[in-house]
């Protein structure tokens, strides 16, 4: 199973740069990049909440489940 992070799509829709979003959310640009580039293993609900507030969106606009037939344990 895979969770796909569509943060870059929402950022483009809202026309906000990574640095600006990082400042609004209160995280480093490096951590935002990790999340944006599918490298994150976890996200705090408080960070997800702040991203949703900054982008005026729902968590489902950012996170998507894709069933690829694999489990995380494989």
PDB file of N, CA and C in Angstrom:
ATOM      1  N   UNK A   1       0.850  -1.178   0.000  1.00  0.00           N
ATOM      2  CA  UNK A   1       0.000   0.000   0.000  1.00  0.00           C
ATOM      3  C   UNK A   1       0.885   1.227   0.000  1.00  0.00           C
ATOM      4  N   UNK A   2       0.383   2.261  -0.578  1.00  0.00           N
ATOM      5  CA  UNK A   2       1.147   3.502  -0.654  1.00  0.00           C
ATOM      6  C   UNK A   2       0.259   4.691  -0.346  1.00  0.00           C
ATOM      7  N   UNK A   3       0.815   5.583   0.420  1.00  0.00           N
ATOM      8  CA  UNK A   3       0.175   6.874   0.633  1.00  0.00           C
ATOM      9  C   UNK A   3       0.928   7.867  -0.235  1.00  0.00           C
ATOM     10  N   UNK A   4       0.219   8.503  -1.125  1.00  0.00           N
ATOM     11  CA  UNK A   4       0.806   9.483  -2.026  1.00  0.00           C
ATOM     12  C   UNK A   4       0.523  10.867  -1.473  1.00  0.00           C
ATOM     13  N   UNK A   5       1.549  11.697  -1.426  1.00  0.00           N
ATOM     14  CA  UNK A   5       1.414  13.064  -0.935  1.00  0.00           C
ATOM     15  C   UNK A   5       1.294  13.987  -2.142  1.00  0.00           C
ATOM     16  N   UNK A   6       0.140  14.627  -2.274  1.00  0.00           N
ATOM     17  CA  UNK A   6      -0.132  15.532  -3.382  1.00  0.00           C
ATOM     18  C   UNK A   6       0.036  16.993  -2.971  1.00  0.00           C
ATOM     19  N   UNK A   7       0.978  17.235  -2.096  1.00  0.00           N
ATOM     20  CA  UNK A   7       1.182  18.580  -1.582  1.00  0.00           C
ATOM     21  C   UNK A   7       1.570  19.556  -2.685  1.00  0.00           C
ATOM     22  N   UNK A   8       2.414  19.114  -3.610  1.00  0.00           N
ATOM     23  CA  UNK A   8       2.832  19.998  -4.690  1.00  0.00           C
ATOM     24  C   UNK A   8       1.657  20.420  -5.571  1.00  0.00           C
ATOM     25  N   UNK A   9       0.681  19.530  -5.739  1.00  0.00           N
ATOM     26  CA  UNK A   9      -0.510  19.851  -6.526  1.00  0.00           C
ATOM     27  C   UNK A   9      -1.317  20.951  -5.839  1.00  0.00           C
ATOM     28  N   UNK A  10      -1.523  20.795  -4.527  1.00  0.00           N
ATOM     29  CA  UNK A  10      -2.287  21.808  -3.795  1.00  0.00           C
ATOM     30  C   UNK A  10      -1.535  23.133  -3.736  1.00  0.00           C
ATOM     31  N   UNK A  11      -0.227  23.077  -3.610  1.00  0.00           N
ATOM     32  CA  UNK A  11       0.561  24.312  -3.598  1.00  0.00           C
ATOM     33  C   UNK A  11       0.431  25.041  -4.935  1.00  0.00           C
ATOM     34  N   UNK A  12       0.440  24.289  -6.016  1.00  0.00           N
ATOM     35  CA  UNK A  12       0.282  24.902  -7.343  1.00  0.00           C
ATOM     36  C   UNK A  12      -1.107  25.496  -7.504  1.00  0.00           C
ATOM     37  N   UNK A  13      -2.130  24.777  -7.032  1.00  0.00           N
ATOM     38  CA  UNK A  13      -3.503  25.293  -7.119  1.00  0.00           C
ATOM     39  C   UNK A  13      -3.671  26.589  -6.324  1.00  0.00           C
ATOM     40  N   UNK A  14      -2.978  26.661  -5.186  1.00  0.00           N
ATOM     41  CA  UNK A  14      -3.091  27.844  -4.321  1.00  0.00           C
ATOM     42  C   UNK A  14      -2.025  28.898  -4.631  1.00  0.00           C
ATOM     43  N   UNK A  15      -1.154  28.568  -5.586  1.00  0.00           N
ATOM     44  CA  UNK A  15      -0.090  29.487  -6.018  1.00  0.00           C
ATOM     45  C   UNK A  15       0.751  29.986  -4.847  1.00  0.00           C
ATOM     46  N   UNK A  16       1.272  29.021  -4.093  1.00  0.00           N
ATOM     47  CA  UNK A  16       2.108  29.344  -2.939  1.00  0.00           C
ATOM     48  C   UNK A  16       3.452  28.621  -3.080  1.00  0.00           C
ATOM     49  N   UNK A  17       4.504  29.324  -2.821  1.00  0.00           N
ATOM     50  CA  UNK A  17       5.853  28.767  -2.905  1.00  0.00           C
ATOM     51  C   UNK A  17       6.158  27.942  -1.657  1.00  0.00           C
ATOM     52  N   UNK A  18       7.097  27.026  -1.796  1.00  0.00           N
ATOM     53  CA  UNK A  18       7.464  26.145  -0.686  1.00  0.00           C
ATOM     54  C   UNK A  18       7.955  26.939   0.519  1.00  0.00           C
ATOM     55  N   UNK A  19       8.785  27.922   0.289  1.00  0.00           N
ATOM     56  CA  UNK A  19       9.303  28.732   1.393  1.00  0.00           C
ATOM     57  C   UNK A  19       8.203  29.468   2.128  1.00  0.00           C
ATOM     58  N   UNK A  20       7.248  29.999   1.381  1.00  0.00           N
ATOM     59  CA  UNK A  20       6.123  30.710   1.991  1.00  0.00           C
ATOM     60  C   UNK A  20       5.252  29.767   2.814  1.00  0.00           C
ATOM     61  N   UNK A  21       4.990  28.572   2.269  1.00  0.00           N
ATOM     62  CA  UNK A  21       4.186  27.602   3.007  1.00  0.00           C
ATOM     63  C   UNK A  21       4.913  27.138   4.264  1.00  0.00           C
ATOM     64  N   UNK A  22       6.198  26.885   4.143  1.00  0.00           N
ATOM     65  CA  UNK A  22       6.978  26.466   5.314  1.00  0.00           C
ATOM     66  C   UNK A  22       6.903  27.515   6.415  1.00  0.00           C
ATOM     67  N   UNK A  23       7.015  28.789   6.047  1.00  0.00           N
ATOM     68  CA  UNK A  23       6.920  29.871   7.032  1.00  0.00           C
ATOM     69  C   UNK A  23       5.540  29.917   7.680  1.00  0.00           C
ATOM     70  N   UNK A  24       4.484  29.773   6.872  1.00  0.00           N
ATOM     71  CA  UNK A  24       3.119  29.808   7.417  1.00  0.00           C
ATOM     72  C   UNK A  24       2.848  28.650   8.360  1.00  0.00           C
ATOM     73  N   UNK A  25       3.406  27.490   8.021  1.00  0.00           N
ATOM     74  CA  UNK A  25       3.153  26.276   8.802  1.00  0.00           C
ATOM     75  C   UNK A  25       4.072  26.198  10.021  1.00  0.00           C
ATOM     76  N   UNK A  26       5.248  26.801   9.912  1.00  0.00           N
ATOM     77  CA  UNK A  26       6.187  26.758  11.019  1.00  0.00           C
ATOM     78  C   UNK A  26       7.108  25.559  10.987  1.00  0.00           C
ATOM     79  N   UNK A  27       7.414  25.074   9.783  1.00  0.00           N
ATOM     80  CA  UNK A  27       8.377  23.987   9.639  1.00  0.00           C
ATOM     81  C   UNK A  27       9.500  24.467   8.731  1.00  0.00           C
ATOM     82  N   UNK A  28      10.591  23.725   8.717  1.00  0.00           N
ATOM     83  CA  UNK A  28      11.710  24.126   7.875  1.00  0.00           C
ATOM     84  C   UNK A  28      11.400  23.795   6.415  1.00  0.00           C
ATOM     85  N   UNK A  29      11.972  24.562   5.501  1.00  0.00           N
ATOM     86  CA  UNK A  29      11.807  24.223   4.081  1.00  0.00           C
ATOM     87  C   UNK A  29      12.306  22.813   3.771  1.00  0.00           C
ATOM     88  N   UNK A  30      13.346  22.362   4.472  1.00  0.00           N
ATOM     89  CA  UNK A  30      13.866  21.004   4.260  1.00  0.00           C
ATOM     90  C   UNK A  30      12.822  19.953   4.635  1.00  0.00           C
ATOM     91  N   UNK A  31      12.137  20.146   5.764  1.00  0.00           N
ATOM     92  CA  UNK A  31      11.104  19.185   6.172  1.00  0.00           C
ATOM     93  C   UNK A  31       9.909  19.223   5.233  1.00  0.00           C
ATOM     94  N   UNK A  32       9.562  20.397   4.742  1.00  0.00           N
ATOM     95  CA  UNK A  32       8.476  20.498   3.767  1.00  0.00           C
ATOM     96  C   UNK A  32       8.861  19.765   2.484  1.00  0.00           C
ATOM     97  N   UNK A  33      10.104  19.891   2.071  1.00  0.00           N
ATOM     98  CA  UNK A  33      10.596  19.204   0.878  1.00  0.00           C
ATOM     99  C   UNK A  33      10.533  17.693   1.050  1.00  0.00           C
ATOM    100  N   UNK A  34      10.893  17.198   2.222  1.00  0.00           N
ATOM    101  CA  UNK A  34      10.820  15.759   2.505  1.00  0.00           C
ATOM    102  C   UNK A  34       9.386  15.264   2.357  1.00  0.00           C
ATOM    103  N   UNK A  35       8.455  16.019   2.873  1.00  0.00           N
ATOM    104  CA  UNK A  35       7.047  15.655   2.766  1.00  0.00           C
ATOM    105  C   UNK A  35       6.581  15.723   1.314  1.00  0.00           C
ATOM    106  N   UNK A  36       6.930  16.800   0.654  1.00  0.00           N
ATOM    107  CA  UNK A  36       6.509  17.028  -0.728  1.00  0.00           C
ATOM    108  C   UNK A  36       7.060  15.985  -1.694  1.00  0.00           C
ATOM    109  N   UNK A  37       8.252  15.474  -1.417  1.00  0.00           N
ATOM    110  CA  UNK A  37       8.912  14.549  -2.332  1.00  0.00           C
ATOM    111  C   UNK A  37       8.749  13.081  -1.952  1.00  0.00           C
ATOM    112  N   UNK A  38       7.710  12.781  -1.177  1.00  0.00           N
ATOM    113  CA  UNK A  38       7.352  11.395  -0.834  1.00  0.00           C
ATOM    114  C   UNK A  38       8.395  10.686   0.008  1.00  0.00           C
ATOM    115  N   UNK A  39       9.230  11.410   0.733  1.00  0.00           N
ATOM    116  CA  UNK A  39      10.288  10.795   1.540  1.00  0.00           C
ATOM    117  C   UNK A  39       9.896  10.657   3.016  1.00  0.00           C
ATOM    118  N   UNK A  40       8.818  11.290   3.425  1.00  0.00           N
ATOM    119  CA  UNK A  40       8.405  11.274   4.837  1.00  0.00           C
ATOM    120  C   UNK A  40       7.802   9.924   5.198  1.00  0.00           C
ATOM    121  N   UNK A  41       8.097   9.465   6.398  1.00  0.00           N
ATOM    122  CA  UNK A  41       7.524   8.229   6.924  1.00  0.00           C
ATOM    123  C   UNK A  41       6.305   8.505   7.798  1.00  0.00           C
ATOM    124  N   UNK A  42       6.174   9.757   8.255  1.00  0.00           N
ATOM    125  CA  UNK A  42       5.066  10.127   9.135  1.00  0.00           C
ATOM    126  C   UNK A  42       4.855  11.634   9.061  1.00  0.00           C
ATOM    127  N   UNK A  43       3.672  12.049   9.507  1.00  0.00           N
ATOM    128  CA  UNK A  43       3.380  13.469   9.631  1.00  0.00           C
ATOM    129  C   UNK A  43       2.537  13.657  10.882  1.00  0.00           C
ATOM    130  N   UNK A  44       2.851  14.658  11.650  1.00  0.00           N
ATOM    131  CA  UNK A  44       2.053  14.947  12.841  1.00  0.00           C
ATOM    132  C   UNK A  44       0.723  15.544  12.416  1.00  0.00           C
ATOM    133  N   UNK A  45      -0.320  15.197  13.160  1.00  0.00           N
ATOM    134  CA  UNK A  45      -1.632  15.770  12.866  1.00  0.00           C
ATOM    135  C   UNK A  45      -1.606  17.288  12.986  1.00  0.00           C
ATOM    136  N   UNK A  46      -0.831  17.806  13.916  1.00  0.00           N
ATOM    137  CA  UNK A  46      -0.764  19.266  14.073  1.00  0.00           C
ATOM    138  C   UNK A  46      -0.144  19.916  12.831  1.00  0.00           C
ATOM    139  N   UNK A  47       0.853  19.267  12.237  1.00  0.00           N
ATOM    140  CA  UNK A  47       1.453  19.790  11.010  1.00  0.00           C
ATOM    141  C   UNK A  47       0.473  19.685   9.856  1.00  0.00           C
ATOM    142  N   UNK A  48      -0.212  18.564   9.744  1.00  0.00           N
ATOM    143  CA  UNK A  48      -1.225  18.394   8.702  1.00  0.00           C
ATOM    144  C   UNK A  48      -2.326  19.432   8.863  1.00  0.00           C
ATOM    145  N   UNK A  49      -2.731  19.679  10.097  1.00  0.00           N
ATOM    146  CA  UNK A  49      -3.738  20.692  10.383  1.00  0.00           C
ATOM    147  C   UNK A  49      -3.275  22.068   9.906  1.00  0.00           C
ATOM    148  N   UNK A  50      -2.037  22.417  10.222  1.00  0.00           N
ATOM    149  CA  UNK A  50      -1.511  23.731   9.839  1.00  0.00           C
ATOM    150  C   UNK A  50      -1.371  23.863   8.325  1.00  0.00           C
ATOM    151  N   UNK A  51      -0.989  22.781   7.657  1.00  0.00           N
ATOM    152  CA  UNK A  51      -0.906  22.809   6.192  1.00  0.00           C
ATOM    153  C   UNK A  51      -2.288  23.018   5.594  1.00  0.00           C
ATOM    154  N   UNK A  52      -3.271  22.296   6.123  1.00  0.00           N
ATOM    155  CA  UNK A  52      -4.640  22.444   5.622  1.00  0.00           C
ATOM    156  C   UNK A  52      -5.173  23.856   5.854  1.00  0.00           C
ATOM    157  N   UNK A  53      -4.851  24.440   7.000  1.00  0.00           N
ATOM    158  CA  UNK A  53      -5.263  25.823   7.261  1.00  0.00           C
ATOM    159  C   UNK A  53      -4.606  26.779   6.273  1.00  0.00           C
ATOM    160  N   UNK A  54      -3.317  26.603   6.044  1.00  0.00           N
ATOM    161  CA  UNK A  54      -2.581  27.494   5.155  1.00  0.00           C
ATOM    162  C   UNK A  54      -3.046  27.374   3.705  1.00  0.00           C
ATOM    163  N   UNK A  55      -3.412  26.158   3.292  1.00  0.00           N
ATOM    164  CA  UNK A  55      -3.821  25.935   1.903  1.00  0.00           C
ATOM    165  C   UNK A  55      -5.341  25.949   1.721  1.00  0.00           C
ATOM    166  N   UNK A  56      -6.075  26.109   2.821  1.00  0.00           N
ATOM    167  CA  UNK A  56      -7.540  26.082   2.784  1.00  0.00           C
ATOM    168  C   UNK A  56      -8.033  24.832   2.052  1.00  0.00           C
ATOM    169  N   UNK A  57      -7.639  23.670   2.590  1.00  0.00           N
ATOM    170  CA  UNK A  57      -8.002  22.407   1.958  1.00  0.00           C
ATOM    171  C   UNK A  57      -8.280  21.355   3.022  1.00  0.00           C
ATOM    172  N   UNK A  58      -8.631  20.172   2.585  1.00  0.00           N
ATOM    173  CA  UNK A  58      -8.894  19.034   3.445  1.00  0.00           C
ATOM    174  C   UNK A  58      -7.698  18.079   3.400  1.00  0.00           C
ATOM    175  N   UNK A  59      -7.491  17.255   4.444  1.00  0.00           N
ATOM    176  CA  UNK A  59      -6.390  16.291   4.414  1.00  0.00           C
ATOM    177  C   UNK A  59      -6.427  15.386   3.176  1.00  0.00           C
ATOM    178  N   UNK A  60      -7.623  15.026   2.728  1.00  0.00           N
ATOM    179  CA  UNK A  60      -7.766  14.184   1.540  1.00  0.00           C
ATOM    180  C   UNK A  60      -7.327  14.868   0.256  1.00  0.00           C
ATOM    181  N   UNK A  61      -7.209  16.185   0.283  1.00  0.00           N
ATOM    182  CA  UNK A  61      -6.681  16.901  -0.879  1.00  0.00           C
ATOM    183  C   UNK A  61      -5.172  16.739  -0.980  1.00  0.00           C
ATOM    184  N   UNK A  62      -4.547  16.409   0.134  1.00  0.00           N
ATOM    185  CA  UNK A  62      -3.093  16.300   0.203  1.00  0.00           C
ATOM    186  C   UNK A  62      -2.635  14.844   0.215  1.00  0.00           C
ATOM    187  N   UNK A  63      -3.359  13.991   0.923  1.00  0.00           N
ATOM    188  CA  UNK A  63      -2.972  12.589   1.077  1.00  0.00           C
ATOM    189  C   UNK A  63      -3.925  11.689   0.302  1.00  0.00           C
ATOM    190  N   UNK A  64      -3.351  10.713  -0.407  1.00  0.00           N
ATOM    191  CA  UNK A  64      -4.150   9.800  -1.221  1.00  0.00           C
ATOM    192  C   UNK A  64      -3.640   8.375  -1.008  1.00  0.00           C
ATOM    193  N   UNK A  65      -4.549   7.441  -0.818  1.00  0.00           N
ATOM    194  CA  UNK A  65      -4.179   6.032  -0.701  1.00  0.00           C
ATOM    195  C   UNK A  65      -4.223   5.399  -2.083  1.00  0.00           C
ATOM    196  N   UNK A  66      -3.139   4.698  -2.443  1.00  0.00           N
ATOM    197  CA  UNK A  66      -3.065   3.968  -3.704  1.00  0.00           C
ATOM    198  C   UNK A  66      -2.775   2.514  -3.377  1.00  0.00           C
ATOM    199  N   UNK A  67      -3.675   1.641  -3.758  1.00  0.00           N
ATOM    200  CA  UNK A  67      -3.496   0.215  -3.488  1.00  0.00           C
ATOM    201  C   UNK A  67      -2.611  -0.371  -4.581  1.00  0.00           C
ATOM    202  N   UNK A  68      -1.360  -0.619  -4.242  1.00  0.00           N
ATOM    203  CA  UNK A  68      -0.411  -1.181  -5.206  1.00  0.00           C
ATOM    204  C   UNK A  68      -0.188  -2.678  -4.987  1.00  0.00           C
ATOM    205  N   UNK A  69      -1.002  -3.266  -4.130  1.00  0.00           N
ATOM    206  CA  UNK A  69      -0.915  -4.699  -3.888  1.00  0.00           C
ATOM    207  C   UNK A  69       0.178  -5.103  -2.923  1.00  0.00           C
ATOM    208  N   UNK A  70       0.884  -4.154  -2.355  1.00  0.00           N
ATOM    209  CA  UNK A  70       1.970  -4.438  -1.421  1.00  0.00           C
ATOM    210  C   UNK A  70       1.600  -3.938  -0.045  1.00  0.00           C
ATOM    211  N   UNK A  71       2.185  -4.572   0.981  1.00  0.00           N
ATOM    212  CA  UNK A  71       2.020  -4.066   2.332  1.00  0.00           C
ATOM    213  C   UNK A  71       3.322  -3.383   2.733  1.00  0.00           C
ATOM    214  N   UNK A  72       3.273  -2.566   3.753  1.00  0.00           N
ATOM    215  CA  UNK A  72       4.479  -1.879   4.240  1.00  0.00           C
ATOM    216  C   UNK A  72       5.498  -2.850   4.788  1.00  0.00           C
ATOM    217  N   UNK A  73       5.081  -4.054   5.153  1.00  0.00           N
ATOM    218  CA  UNK A  73       5.964  -5.032   5.786  1.00  0.00           C
ATOM    219  C   UNK A  73       6.729  -5.875   4.776  1.00  0.00           C
ATOM    220  N   UNK A  74       6.418  -5.742   3.493  1.00  0.00           N
ATOM    221  CA  UNK A  74       7.108  -6.564   2.476  1.00  0.00           C
ATOM    222  C   UNK A  74       8.455  -5.994   2.138  1.00  0.00           C
TER     223      UNK A  74
END
